[in-house]
PDB file of N, CA and C in Angstrom:
ATOM      1  N   UNK A   1      95.723  69.609 109.739  1.00  0.00           N
ATOM      2  CA  UNK A   1      94.019  69.880 110.383  1.00  0.00           C
ATOM      3  C   UNK A   1      93.516  71.325 109.320  1.00  0.00           C
ATOM      4  N   UNK A   2      92.033  70.721 109.292  1.00  0.00           N
ATOM      5  CA  UNK A   2      90.952  71.362 108.181  1.00  0.00           C
ATOM      6  C   UNK A   2      90.514  72.909 109.397  1.00  0.00           C
ATOM      7  N   UNK A   3      90.528  73.568 108.566  1.00  0.00           N
ATOM      8  CA  UNK A   3      90.273  75.178 109.270  1.00  0.00           C
ATOM      9  C   UNK A   3      88.855  75.164 110.146  1.00  0.00           C
ATOM     10  N   UNK A   4      87.944  74.351 109.615  1.00  0.00           N
ATOM     11  CA  UNK A   4      86.981  74.009 111.134  1.00  0.00           C
ATOM     12  C   UNK A   4      87.221  73.491 112.101  1.00  0.00           C
ATOM     13  N   UNK A   5      88.408  72.526 112.098  1.00  0.00           N
ATOM     14  CA  UNK A   5      88.657  71.611 112.964  1.00  0.00           C
ATOM     15  C   UNK A   5      89.244  72.748 114.058  1.00  0.00           C
ATOM     16  N   UNK A   6      90.400  73.674 113.325  1.00  0.00           N
ATOM     17  CA  UNK A   6      91.039  74.567 113.867  1.00  0.00           C
ATOM     18  C   UNK A   6      89.979  75.696 114.978  1.00  0.00           C
ATOM     19  N   UNK A   7      88.886  75.983 114.072  1.00  0.00           N
ATOM     20  CA  UNK A   7      88.193  76.623 115.132  1.00  0.00           C
ATOM     21  C   UNK A   7      87.405  76.075 116.087  1.00  0.00           C
ATOM     22  N   UNK A   8      86.976  74.650 115.981  1.00  0.00           N
ATOM     23  CA  UNK A   8      86.162  73.938 116.763  1.00  0.00           C
ATOM     24  C   UNK A   8      87.356  73.734 118.223  1.00  0.00           C
ATOM     25  N   UNK A   9      88.466  73.857 118.014  1.00  0.00           N
ATOM     26  CA  UNK A   9      89.614  73.557 118.519  1.00  0.00           C
ATOM     27  C   UNK A   9      90.146  74.461 119.892  1.00  0.00           C
ATOM     28  N   UNK A  10      90.634  75.650 118.709  1.00  0.00           N
ATOM     29  CA  UNK A  10      91.096  76.555 119.695  1.00  0.00           C
ATOM     30  C   UNK A  10      90.359  77.926 119.937  1.00  0.00           C
ATOM     31  N   UNK A  11      89.082  77.889 119.241  1.00  0.00           N
ATOM     32  CA  UNK A  11      88.073  79.322 119.250  1.00  0.00           C
ATOM     33  C   UNK A  11      87.016  78.929 120.291  1.00  0.00           C
ATOM     34  N   UNK A  12      86.353  77.675 120.086  1.00  0.00           N
ATOM     35  CA  UNK A  12      85.343  77.393 120.712  1.00  0.00           C
ATOM     36  C   UNK A  12      85.460  76.599 122.335  1.00  0.00           C
ATOM     37  N   UNK A  13      86.295  76.508 122.552  1.00  0.00           N
ATOM     38  CA  UNK A  13      86.338  75.941 124.412  1.00  0.00           C
ATOM     39  C   UNK A  13      86.712  77.433 124.883  1.00  0.00           C
ATOM     40  N   UNK A  14      87.651  78.174 124.587  1.00  0.00           N
ATOM     41  CA  UNK A  14      87.628  79.318 125.261  1.00  0.00           C
ATOM     42  C   UNK A  14      86.597  80.628 125.246  1.00  0.00           C
ATOM     43  N   UNK A  15      85.669  80.118 123.921  1.00  0.00           N
ATOM     44  CA  UNK A  15      84.545  80.955 124.329  1.00  0.00           C
ATOM     45  C   UNK A  15      83.585  80.272 125.205  1.00  0.00           C
ATOM     46  N   UNK A  16      83.477  79.124 124.884  1.00  0.00           N
ATOM     47  CA  UNK A  16      82.192  78.361 125.941  1.00  0.00           C
ATOM     48  C   UNK A  16      82.713  78.951 127.449  1.00  0.00           C
ATOM     49  N   UNK A  17      84.321  78.283 127.875  1.00  0.00           N
ATOM     50  CA  UNK A  17      84.781  79.160 129.101  1.00  0.00           C
ATOM     51  C   UNK A  17      84.102  80.268 129.451  1.00  0.00           C
ATOM     52  N   UNK A  18      84.500  81.424 128.826  1.00  0.00           N
ATOM     53  CA  UNK A  18      84.576  82.614 129.020  1.00  0.00           C
ATOM     54  C   UNK A  18      82.896  83.002 129.039  1.00  0.00           C
ATOM     55  N   UNK A  19      82.268  82.232 128.476  1.00  0.00           N
ATOM     56  CA  UNK A  19      80.605  82.746 128.272  1.00  0.00           C
ATOM     57  C   UNK A  19      80.105  82.102 129.589  1.00  0.00           C
ATOM     58  N   UNK A  20      80.438  81.202 130.358  1.00  0.00           N
ATOM     59  CA  UNK A  20      80.271  80.634 131.556  1.00  0.00           C
ATOM     60  C   UNK A  20      80.615  81.685 132.652  1.00  0.00           C
ATOM     61  N   UNK A  21      82.149  81.916 132.575  1.00  0.00           N
ATOM     62  CA  UNK A  21      82.514  83.020 133.236  1.00  0.00           C
ATOM     63  C   UNK A  21      82.155  84.433 134.000  1.00  0.00           C
ATOM     64  N   UNK A  22      81.474  84.942 132.595  1.00  0.00           N
ATOM     65  CA  UNK A  22      80.804  86.472 132.590  1.00  0.00           C
ATOM     66  C   UNK A  22      79.400  85.980 132.736  1.00  0.00           C
ATOM     67  N   UNK A  23      78.889  84.886 132.731  1.00  0.00           N
ATOM     68  CA  UNK A  23      77.621  84.956 131.910  1.00  0.00           C
ATOM     69  C   UNK A  23      76.499  85.892 132.745  1.00  0.00           C
ATOM     70  N   UNK A  24      76.664  86.454 134.097  1.00  0.00           N
ATOM     71  CA  UNK A  24      76.036  87.281 134.600  1.00  0.00           C
ATOM     72  C   UNK A  24      76.346  88.838 133.957  1.00  0.00           C
ATOM     73  N   UNK A  25      77.397  88.805 133.590  1.00  0.00           N
ATOM     74  CA  UNK A  25      77.942  90.269 132.919  1.00  0.00           C
ATOM     75  C   UNK A  25      77.342  90.682 131.783  1.00  0.00           C
ATOM     76  N   UNK A  26      76.778  89.949 131.236  1.00  0.00           N
ATOM     77  CA  UNK A  26      76.060  89.838 129.789  1.00  0.00           C
ATOM     78  C   UNK A  26      74.581  90.609 129.920  1.00  0.00           C
ATOM     79  N   UNK A  27      74.662  92.049 129.222  1.00  0.00           N
ATOM     80  CA  UNK A  27      73.672  92.801 129.285  1.00  0.00           C
ATOM     81  C   UNK A  27      73.131  92.819 127.603  1.00  0.00           C
ATOM     82  N   UNK A  28      71.920  93.083 127.784  1.00  0.00           N
ATOM     83  CA  UNK A  28      71.213  93.749 126.416  1.00  0.00           C
ATOM     84  C   UNK A  28      72.350  94.497 125.380  1.00  0.00           C
ATOM     85  N   UNK A  29      72.357  95.894 125.800  1.00  0.00           N
ATOM     86  CA  UNK A  29      73.459  96.325 125.201  1.00  0.00           C
ATOM     87  C   UNK A  29      74.694  95.998 124.940  1.00  0.00           C
ATOM     88  N   UNK A  30      75.341  95.207 125.693  1.00  0.00           N
ATOM     89  CA  UNK A  30      76.625  94.554 125.347  1.00  0.00           C
ATOM     90  C   UNK A  30      76.674  93.304 124.376  1.00  0.00           C
ATOM     91  N   UNK A  31      75.300  92.582 124.181  1.00  0.00           N
ATOM     92  CA  UNK A  31      74.984  91.589 123.160  1.00  0.00           C
ATOM     93  C   UNK A  31      74.890  92.654 121.750  1.00  0.00           C
ATOM     94  N   UNK A  32      74.097  93.660 121.978  1.00  0.00           N
ATOM     95  CA  UNK A  32      73.783  94.865 120.368  1.00  0.00           C
ATOM     96  C   UNK A  32      74.946  95.181 120.146  1.00  0.00           C
ATOM     97  N   UNK A  33      75.904  95.742 121.285  1.00  0.00           N
ATOM     98  CA  UNK A  33      77.349  95.816 120.612  1.00  0.00           C
ATOM     99  C   UNK A  33      78.202  95.165 119.811  1.00  0.00           C
ATOM    100  N   UNK A  34      78.237  93.473 120.571  1.00  0.00           N
ATOM    101  CA  UNK A  34      79.129  92.839 119.935  1.00  0.00           C
ATOM    102  C   UNK A  34      78.346  92.540 118.751  1.00  0.00           C
ATOM    103  N   UNK A  35      76.940  92.486 118.700  1.00  0.00           N
ATOM    104  CA  UNK A  35      76.239  91.795 117.217  1.00  0.00           C
ATOM    105  C   UNK A  35      77.129  92.933 116.290  1.00  0.00           C
ATOM    106  N   UNK A  36      76.634  94.182 116.353  1.00  0.00           N
ATOM    107  CA  UNK A  36      77.013  95.558 115.527  1.00  0.00           C
ATOM    108  C   UNK A  36      78.750  95.220 115.229  1.00  0.00           C
ATOM    109  N   UNK A  37      79.562  95.021 116.291  1.00  0.00           N
ATOM    110  CA  UNK A  37      80.651  94.781 115.440  1.00  0.00           C
ATOM    111  C   UNK A  37      81.153  93.151 114.740  1.00  0.00           C
ATOM    112  N   UNK A  38      79.971  92.492 114.910  1.00  0.00           N
ATOM    113  CA  UNK A  38      80.349  91.213 114.261  1.00  0.00           C
ATOM    114  C   UNK A  38      79.831  91.581 112.964  1.00  0.00           C
ATOM    115  N   UNK A  39      78.652  92.212 112.740  1.00  0.00           N
ATOM    116  CA  UNK A  39      78.038  93.087 111.507  1.00  0.00           C
ATOM    117  C   UNK A  39      79.765  93.934 110.439  1.00  0.00           C
ATOM    118  N   UNK A  40      80.304  94.354 111.652  1.00  0.00           N
ATOM    119  CA  UNK A  40      81.305  95.452 110.739  1.00  0.00           C
ATOM    120  C   UNK A  40      82.644  94.565 109.957  1.00  0.00           C
ATOM    121  N   UNK A  41      82.637  93.254 111.593  1.00  0.00           N
ATOM    122  CA  UNK A  41      84.069  92.519 111.225  1.00  0.00           C
ATOM    123  C   UNK A  41      83.484  91.744 109.358  1.00  0.00           C
ATOM    124  N   UNK A  42      81.907  91.501 109.291  1.00  0.00           N
ATOM    125  CA  UNK A  42      81.957  90.830 107.841  1.00  0.00           C
ATOM    126  C   UNK A  42      82.038  91.697 107.057  1.00  0.00           C
ATOM    127  N   UNK A  43      81.556  93.313 107.255  1.00  0.00           N
ATOM    128  CA  UNK A  43      80.964  93.758 105.812  1.00  0.00           C
ATOM    129  C   UNK A  43      82.620  94.462 105.655  1.00  0.00           C
ATOM    130  N   UNK A  44      83.729  94.452 106.600  1.00  0.00           N
ATOM    131  CA  UNK A  44      85.378  95.193 106.398  1.00  0.00           C
ATOM    132  C   UNK A  44      86.099  93.962 105.730  1.00  0.00           C
ATOM    133  N   UNK A  45      86.031  92.636 106.427  1.00  0.00           N
ATOM    134  CA  UNK A  45      87.237  91.945 106.465  1.00  0.00           C
ATOM    135  C   UNK A  45      86.731  90.999 105.407  1.00  0.00           C
ATOM    136  N   UNK A  46      85.349  90.932 104.938  1.00  0.00           N
ATOM    137  CA  UNK A  46      84.938  89.825 103.907  1.00  0.00           C
ATOM    138  C   UNK A  46      85.833  90.287 102.579  1.00  0.00           C
ATOM    139  N   UNK A  47      85.400  91.367 101.743  1.00  0.00           N
ATOM    140  CA  UNK A  47      85.951  92.102 100.690  1.00  0.00           C
ATOM    141  C   UNK A  47      87.436  92.447 100.706  1.00  0.00           C
ATOM    142  N   UNK A  48      87.939  92.338 102.075  1.00  0.00           N
ATOM    143  CA  UNK A  48      89.359  92.310 102.101  1.00  0.00           C
ATOM    144  C   UNK A  48      89.855  90.905 101.605  1.00  0.00           C
ATOM    145  N   UNK A  49      89.499  90.379 102.013  1.00  0.00           N
ATOM    146  CA  UNK A  49      89.981  89.038 102.207  1.00  0.00           C
ATOM    147  C   UNK A  49      89.952  88.448 100.844  1.00  0.00           C
ATOM    148  N   UNK A  50      88.350  88.501 100.447  1.00  0.00           N
ATOM    149  CA  UNK A  50      88.285  88.148  98.797  1.00  0.00           C
ATOM    150  C   UNK A  50      89.293  88.764  98.088  1.00  0.00           C
ATOM    151  N   UNK A  51      89.578  89.968  98.278  1.00  0.00           N
ATOM    152  CA  UNK A  51      90.768  90.956  97.472  1.00  0.00           C
ATOM    153  C   UNK A  51      92.224  90.158  97.288  1.00  0.00           C
ATOM    154  N   UNK A  52      92.718  89.843  98.701  1.00  0.00           N
ATOM    155  CA  UNK A  52      93.715  89.300  98.838  1.00  0.00           C
ATOM    156  C   UNK A  52      94.021  87.797  98.358  1.00  0.00           C
ATOM    157  N   UNK A  53      92.955  87.206  98.650  1.00  0.00           N
ATOM    158  CA  UNK A  53      92.898  85.724  97.783  1.00  0.00           C
ATOM    159  C   UNK A  53      93.051  86.051  96.388  1.00  0.00           C
ATOM    160  N   UNK A  54      92.453  87.110  95.687  1.00  0.00           N
ATOM    161  CA  UNK A  54      92.390  87.265  94.490  1.00  0.00           C
ATOM    162  C   UNK A  54      93.690  87.327  93.615  1.00  0.00           C
ATOM    163  N   UNK A  55      94.173  88.456  94.697  1.00  0.00           N
ATOM    164  CA  UNK A  55      95.834  88.907  94.121  1.00  0.00           C
ATOM    165  C   UNK A  55      96.893  87.643  94.621  1.00  0.00           C
ATOM    166  N   UNK A  56      96.695  86.601  95.112  1.00  0.00           N
ATOM    167  CA  UNK A  56      97.206  85.782  95.349  1.00  0.00           C
ATOM    168  C   UNK A  56      97.983  85.341  96.410  1.00  0.00           C
ATOM    169  N   UNK A  57      98.029  86.684  97.233  1.00  0.00           N
ATOM    170  CA  UNK A  57      98.397  86.728  98.899  1.00  0.00           C
ATOM    171  C   UNK A  57      98.577  85.966  99.610  1.00  0.00           C
ATOM    172  N   UNK A  58      97.097  85.463  99.719  1.00  0.00           N
ATOM    173  CA  UNK A  58      96.572  84.473 100.773  1.00  0.00           C
ATOM    174  C   UNK A  58      95.638  83.408 100.294  1.00  0.00           C
ATOM    175  N   UNK A  59      95.546  81.850 100.636  1.00  0.00           N
ATOM    176  CA  UNK A  59      95.320  80.889 100.027  1.00  0.00           C
ATOM    177  C   UNK A  59      94.704  80.039 100.933  1.00  0.00           C
ATOM    178  N   UNK A  60      94.111  78.979 101.040  1.00  0.00           N
ATOM    179  CA  UNK A  60      93.755  77.737 101.298  1.00  0.00           C
ATOM    180  C   UNK A  60      93.959  76.419 100.846  1.00  0.00           C
ATOM    181  N   UNK A  61      95.044  76.119 101.380  1.00  0.00           N
ATOM    182  CA  UNK A  61      95.425  74.426 100.588  1.00  0.00           C
ATOM    183  C   UNK A  61      94.068  73.391 100.596  1.00  0.00           C
ATOM    184  N   UNK A  62      94.104  72.861  99.338  1.00  0.00           N
ATOM    185  CA  UNK A  62      92.890  72.026  99.313  1.00  0.00           C
ATOM    186  C   UNK A  62      92.930  71.078 100.090  1.00  0.00           C
ATOM    187  N   UNK A  63      91.504  70.608 100.329  1.00  0.00           N
ATOM    188  CA  UNK A  63      91.355  69.970 101.884  1.00  0.00           C
ATOM    189  C   UNK A  63      91.314  70.682 102.947  1.00  0.00           C
ATOM    190  N   UNK A  64      91.614  71.848 103.082  1.00  0.00           N
ATOM    191  CA  UNK A  64      92.114  72.482 104.421  1.00  0.00           C
ATOM    192  C   UNK A  64      90.505  73.113 104.531  1.00  0.00           C
ATOM    193  N   UNK A  65      89.567  73.490 103.665  1.00  0.00           N
ATOM    194  CA  UNK A  65      88.231  73.916 104.215  1.00  0.00           C
ATOM    195  C   UNK A  65      87.254  73.285 103.288  1.00  0.00           C
ATOM    196  N   UNK A  66      85.920  73.357 104.087  1.00  0.00           N
ATOM    197  CA  UNK A  66      84.464  72.207 103.837  1.00  0.00           C
ATOM    198  C   UNK A  66      84.686  72.278 102.247  1.00  0.00           C
ATOM    199  N   UNK A  67      84.286  73.570 101.510  1.00  0.00           N
ATOM    200  CA  UNK A  67      84.237  73.796 100.459  1.00  0.00           C
ATOM    201  C   UNK A  67      83.268  74.929  99.942  1.00  0.00           C
ATOM    202  N   UNK A  68      82.105  74.930 100.974  1.00  0.00           N
ATOM    203  CA  UNK A  68      81.435  76.471 100.387  1.00  0.00           C
ATOM    204  C   UNK A  68      81.963  77.882 100.826  1.00  0.00           C
ATOM    205  N   UNK A  69      82.094  78.697  99.645  1.00  0.00           N
ATOM    206  CA  UNK A  69      82.648  80.150  99.499  1.00  0.00           C
ATOM    207  C   UNK A  69      81.804  80.929  99.591  1.00  0.00           C
ATOM    208  N   UNK A  70      81.775  81.990  99.683  1.00  0.00           N
ATOM    209  CA  UNK A  70      81.055  83.471  99.119  1.00  0.00           C
ATOM    210  C   UNK A  70      82.289  84.429  98.763  1.00  0.00           C
ATOM    211  N   UNK A  71      82.395  84.433  97.787  1.00  0.00           N
ATOM    212  CA  UNK A  71      83.408  84.818  96.597  1.00  0.00           C
ATOM    213  C   UNK A  71      84.137  83.769  96.565  1.00  0.00           C
ATOM    214  N   UNK A  72      85.562  84.251  96.993  1.00  0.00           N
ATOM    215  CA  UNK A  72      86.738  83.342  97.504  1.00  0.00           C
ATOM    216  C   UNK A  72      86.998  82.789  98.549  1.00  0.00           C
ATOM    217  N   UNK A  73      86.080  84.018  99.287  1.00  0.00           N
ATOM    218  CA  UNK A  73      86.660  83.319 101.149  1.00  0.00           C
ATOM    219  C   UNK A  73      85.808  81.812 101.415  1.00  0.00           C
ATOM    220  N   UNK A  74      86.692  81.033 102.159  1.00  0.00           N
ATOM    221  CA  UNK A  74      85.967  80.015 102.609  1.00  0.00           C
ATOM    222  C   UNK A  74      85.097  80.357 103.917  1.00  0.00           C
ATOM    223  N   UNK A  75      83.558  79.468 103.753  1.00  0.00           N
ATOM    224  CA  UNK A  75      82.705  79.530 104.906  1.00  0.00           C
ATOM    225  C   UNK A  75      83.284  79.882 106.029  1.00  0.00           C
ATOM    226  N   UNK A  76      84.413  78.912 106.788  1.00  0.00           N
ATOM    227  CA  UNK A  76      85.020  79.113 107.780  1.00  0.00           C
ATOM    228  C   UNK A  76      85.863  80.466 108.349  1.00  0.00           C
ATOM    229  N   UNK A  77      86.243  80.762 107.210  1.00  0.00           N
ATOM    230  CA  UNK A  77      86.723  82.515 107.496  1.00  0.00           C
ATOM    231  C   UNK A  77      85.878  83.477 107.911  1.00  0.00           C
ATOM    232  N   UNK A  78      84.557  83.317 107.411  1.00  0.00           N
ATOM    233  CA  UNK A  78      83.683  84.134 108.010  1.00  0.00           C
ATOM    234  C   UNK A  78      83.159  83.848 109.719  1.00  0.00           C
ATOM    235  N   UNK A  79      83.370  82.616 109.752  1.00  0.00           N
ATOM    236  CA  UNK A  79      82.684  82.173 110.955  1.00  0.00           C
ATOM    237  C   UNK A  79      84.174  82.577 112.113  1.00  0.00           C
ATOM    238  N   UNK A  80      84.950  82.628 111.465  1.00  0.00           N
ATOM    239  CA  UNK A  80      86.255  82.956 112.136  1.00  0.00           C
ATOM    240  C   UNK A  80      85.786  84.285 112.608  1.00  0.00           C
ATOM    241  N   UNK A  81      86.024  85.535 111.718  1.00  0.00           N
ATOM    242  CA  UNK A  81      85.455  86.692 111.651  1.00  0.00           C
ATOM    243  C   UNK A  81      84.428  86.628 113.285  1.00  0.00           C
ATOM    244  N   UNK A  82      83.488  86.060 113.021  1.00  0.00           N
ATOM    245  CA  UNK A  82      82.279  86.148 113.799  1.00  0.00           C
ATOM    246  C   UNK A  82      83.134  85.467 115.480  1.00  0.00           C
ATOM    247  N   UNK A  83      83.411  84.815 115.191  1.00  0.00           N
ATOM    248  CA  UNK A  83      84.053  83.840 116.708  1.00  0.00           C
ATOM    249  C   UNK A  83      85.060  84.807 117.362  1.00  0.00           C
ATOM    250  N   UNK A  84      86.070  85.665 116.502  1.00  0.00           N
ATOM    251  CA  UNK A  84      87.325  86.113 117.234  1.00  0.00           C
ATOM    252  C   UNK A  84      86.190  87.428 117.971  1.00  0.00           C
ATOM    253  N   UNK A  85      85.249  88.071 117.278  1.00  0.00           N
ATOM    254  CA  UNK A  85      84.736  89.158 117.919  1.00  0.00           C
ATOM    255  C   UNK A  85      83.991  88.733 118.992  1.00  0.00           C
ATOM    256  N   UNK A  86      83.231  87.640 119.142  1.00  0.00           N
ATOM    257  CA  UNK A  86      82.570  87.309 120.379  1.00  0.00           C
ATOM    258  C   UNK A  86      83.873  86.667 121.530  1.00  0.00           C
ATOM    259  N   UNK A  87      84.910  85.969 121.012  1.00  0.00           N
ATOM    260  CA  UNK A  87      85.964  85.976 121.878  1.00  0.00           C
ATOM    261  C   UNK A  87      86.605  87.467 122.825  1.00  0.00           C
ATOM    262  N   UNK A  88      86.829  88.542 122.003  1.00  0.00           N
ATOM    263  CA  UNK A  88      87.386  89.668 122.135  1.00  0.00           C
ATOM    264  C   UNK A  88      86.090  90.573 123.526  1.00  0.00           C
ATOM    265  N   UNK A  89      84.742  90.303 122.587  1.00  0.00           N
ATOM    266  CA  UNK A  89      83.838  91.110 123.854  1.00  0.00           C
ATOM    267  C   UNK A  89      83.674  90.334 125.023  1.00  0.00           C
ATOM    268  N   UNK A  90      84.025  88.748 125.041  1.00  0.00           N
ATOM    269  CA  UNK A  90      83.568  88.024 126.350  1.00  0.00           C
ATOM    270  C   UNK A  90      84.880  88.298 127.078  1.00  0.00           C
ATOM    271  N   UNK A  91      86.068  88.774 126.496  1.00  0.00           N
ATOM    272  CA  UNK A  91      87.366  88.614 127.267  1.00  0.00           C
ATOM    273  C   UNK A  91      87.197  90.367 127.874  1.00  0.00           C
ATOM    274  N   UNK A  92      86.781  90.878 127.364  1.00  0.00           N
ATOM    275  CA  UNK A  92      86.657  92.412 127.524  1.00  0.00           C
ATOM    276  C   UNK A  92      85.681  92.478 129.177  1.00  0.00           C
ATOM    277  N   UNK A  93      84.626  91.590 128.842  1.00  0.00           N
ATOM    278  CA  UNK A  93      83.705  91.596 130.062  1.00  0.00           C
ATOM    279  C   UNK A  93      84.284  90.801 131.202  1.00  0.00           C
ATOM    280  N   UNK A  94      85.397  90.030 130.990  1.00  0.00           N
ATOM    281  CA  UNK A  94      86.352  89.431 132.256  1.00  0.00           C
ATOM    282  C   UNK A  94      87.115  90.060 132.874  1.00  0.00           C
ATOM    283  N   UNK A  95      87.903  91.458 131.824  1.00  0.00           N
ATOM    284  CA  UNK A  95      88.655  91.777 132.547  1.00  0.00           C
ATOM    285  C   UNK A  95      88.545  93.532 132.858  1.00  0.00           C
ATOM    286  N   UNK A  96      87.340  94.123 132.198  1.00  0.00           N
ATOM    287  CA  UNK A  96      86.955  95.409 132.676  1.00  0.00           C
ATOM    288  C   UNK A  96      86.276  95.419 134.058  1.00  0.00           C
ATOM    289  N   UNK A  97      86.622  96.234 134.933  1.00  0.00           N
ATOM    290  CA  UNK A  97      85.920  96.532 135.725  1.00  0.00           C
ATOM    291  C   UNK A  97      84.090  96.989 135.737  1.00  0.00           C
ATOM    292  N   UNK A  98      83.569  96.429 136.803  1.00  0.00           N
ATOM    293  CA  UNK A  98      81.870  96.675 136.682  1.00  0.00           C
ATOM    294  C   UNK A  98      81.933  97.846 136.559  1.00  0.00           C
ATOM    295  N   UNK A  99      81.290  98.810 136.432  1.00  0.00           N
ATOM    296  CA  UNK A  99      80.783 100.072 136.713  1.00  0.00           C
ATOM    297  C   UNK A  99      79.906  99.918 138.112  1.00  0.00           C
ATOM    298  N   UNK A 100      80.270 101.213 138.833  1.00  0.00           N
ATOM    299  CA  UNK A 100      79.453 101.139 140.116  1.00  0.00           C
ATOM    300  C   UNK A 100      78.166 101.140 140.317  1.00  0.00           C
ATOM    301  N   UNK A 101      77.690 100.496 140.676  1.00  0.00           N
ATOM    302  CA  UNK A 101      75.871 100.308 141.166  1.00  0.00           C
ATOM    303  C   UNK A 101      75.331 101.490 141.784  1.00  0.00           C
ATOM    304  N   UNK A 102      74.339 102.055 141.419  1.00  0.00           N
ATOM    305  CA  UNK A 102      74.020 103.370 142.510  1.00  0.00           C
ATOM    306  C   UNK A 102      73.024 102.522 143.835  1.00  0.00           C
ATOM    307  N   UNK A 103      73.266 103.235 144.320  1.00  0.00           N
ATOM    308  CA  UNK A 103      72.932 102.680 146.198  1.00  0.00           C
ATOM    309  C   UNK A 103      71.551 101.971 146.001  1.00  0.00           C
ATOM    310  N   UNK A 104      70.741 101.112 146.452  1.00  0.00           N
ATOM    311  CA  UNK A 104      69.468 100.713 146.693  1.00  0.00           C
ATOM    312  C   UNK A 104      68.586 101.319 147.891  1.00  0.00           C
ATOM    313  N   UNK A 105      67.420 101.904 146.976  1.00  0.00           N
ATOM    314  CA  UNK A 105      66.543 102.772 148.159  1.00  0.00           C
ATOM    315  C   UNK A 105      66.315 101.331 149.317  1.00  0.00           C
ATOM    316  N   UNK A 106      66.107 102.007 150.350  1.00  0.00           N
ATOM    317  CA  UNK A 106      65.915 101.259 151.841  1.00  0.00           C
ATOM    318  C   UNK A 106      64.434 101.124 151.976  1.00  0.00           C
TER     319      UNK A 106
END
């Protein structure tokens, strides 16, 4: 199984299901927070993965990735960082109680 197939099979369906389940709870601030965490994940994890690949600690078998890389890190790994943050953010919306709403004026 390729890395891209893994992402499509195991991350995209739960993300889609959660997105439908919590669609009314997504706010602008939530989206900004998730985008900020995605940026942090890319900035932190990309160099880390590059280093462990360069040291021979981690590798990707031939044919398991599509080919494009940023440094030594395959494109799919960067997509994985983004999808994992999104999955976590959507899961948080599903399980964290909604804050109380102020009473509506009559």
